[in-house]
Amino acid sequence: MIEQMIPQIKILNKSEKIRLLQYLVTEIAKDEGIENDMNQEEEKLFWQSASQSSLDKIWQHPEEDIYNELL
């Protein structure tokens, strides 16, 4: 069944894939009986950690050092 869905998933844009992931996480949590009510601090830490590698790719390279000099 999943194999049939993969082509459809591949054509989703980034925002739609994120929405799908959020939906799946919620469904898995329900199936496992896990409460999905993270407090705000836990949620903040999760998203900071999840996004850090993307931010590093954008900001952590020598070409960006010139912007640090402007601050």
Protein backbone atom coordinates (compact mmCIF):
# COMPACT_ATOMS: atom_id res chain seq x y z
CA MET A 1 0.00 0.00 0.00
CA ILE A 2 2.76 2.48 0.94
CA GLU A 3 4.59 1.73 -2.31
CA GLN A 4 1.55 2.93 -4.25
CA MET A 5 1.55 6.22 -2.33
CA ILE A 6 5.22 7.08 -2.86
CA PRO A 7 4.79 8.62 -6.35
CA GLN A 8 2.04 10.87 -4.98
CA ILE A 9 4.21 11.89 -2.02
CA LYS A 10 7.13 12.73 -4.30
CA ILE A 11 5.10 15.34 -6.18
CA LEU A 12 4.05 17.19 -3.02
CA ASN A 13 5.69 20.52 -2.37
CA LYS A 14 7.67 21.14 0.81
CA SER A 15 4.76 22.68 2.71
CA GLU A 16 2.47 19.77 1.85
CA LYS A 17 5.13 17.25 2.94
CA ILE A 18 5.48 19.05 6.29
CA ARG A 19 1.70 18.94 6.76
CA LEU A 20 1.73 15.23 5.94
CA LEU A 21 4.48 14.61 8.49
CA GLN A 22 2.58 16.54 11.15
CA TYR A 23 -0.52 14.49 10.42
CA LEU A 24 1.40 11.20 10.56
CA VAL A 25 3.11 12.11 13.84
CA THR A 26 -0.28 12.91 15.37
CA GLU A 27 -1.76 9.64 14.13
CA ILE A 28 1.18 7.60 15.40
CA ALA A 29 0.96 9.31 18.78
CA LYS A 30 -2.74 8.44 18.97
CA ASP A 31 -2.05 4.82 18.00
CA GLU A 32 0.65 4.56 20.66
CA GLY A 33 -1.44 6.28 23.31
CA ILE A 34 1.12 9.05 23.57
CA GLU A 35 -0.18 12.40 24.69
CA ASN A 36 0.61 14.91 21.98
CA ASP A 37 0.52 17.94 24.26
CA MET A 38 4.13 19.04 24.41
CA ASN A 39 4.54 22.13 26.48
CA GLN A 40 5.64 25.22 24.61
CA GLU A 41 9.25 25.01 25.74
CA GLU A 42 9.60 21.38 24.60
CA GLU A 43 8.06 22.24 21.25
CA LYS A 44 10.34 25.26 20.86
CA LEU A 45 13.43 23.15 21.61
CA PHE A 46 12.29 20.45 19.18
CA TRP A 47 11.86 22.87 16.27
CA GLN A 48 15.11 24.68 17.05
CA SER A 49 16.95 21.39 16.96
CA ALA A 50 15.17 20.19 13.83
CA SER A 51 15.90 23.38 11.91
CA GLN A 52 19.47 23.96 13.06
CA SER A 53 21.15 22.03 10.24
CA SER A 54 19.25 24.03 7.61
CA LEU A 55 20.16 27.29 9.28
CA ASP A 56 23.80 26.23 9.50
CA LYS A 57 23.87 25.55 5.76
CA ILE A 58 22.61 29.07 5.10
CA TRP A 59 24.60 31.07 7.66
CA GLN A 60 27.71 29.09 8.55
CA HIS A 61 29.95 29.69 5.55
CA PRO A 62 32.71 32.24 4.80
CA GLU A 63 30.68 34.33 2.33
CA GLU A 64 28.36 35.33 5.18
CA ASP A 65 31.17 36.72 7.36
CA ILE A 66 30.89 40.09 5.64
CA TYR A 67 27.43 40.51 7.15
CA ASN A 68 28.85 39.97 10.64
CA GLU A 69 31.19 42.89 10.02
CA LEU A 70 28.22 45.14 9.26
CA LEU A 71 26.63 44.50 12.67
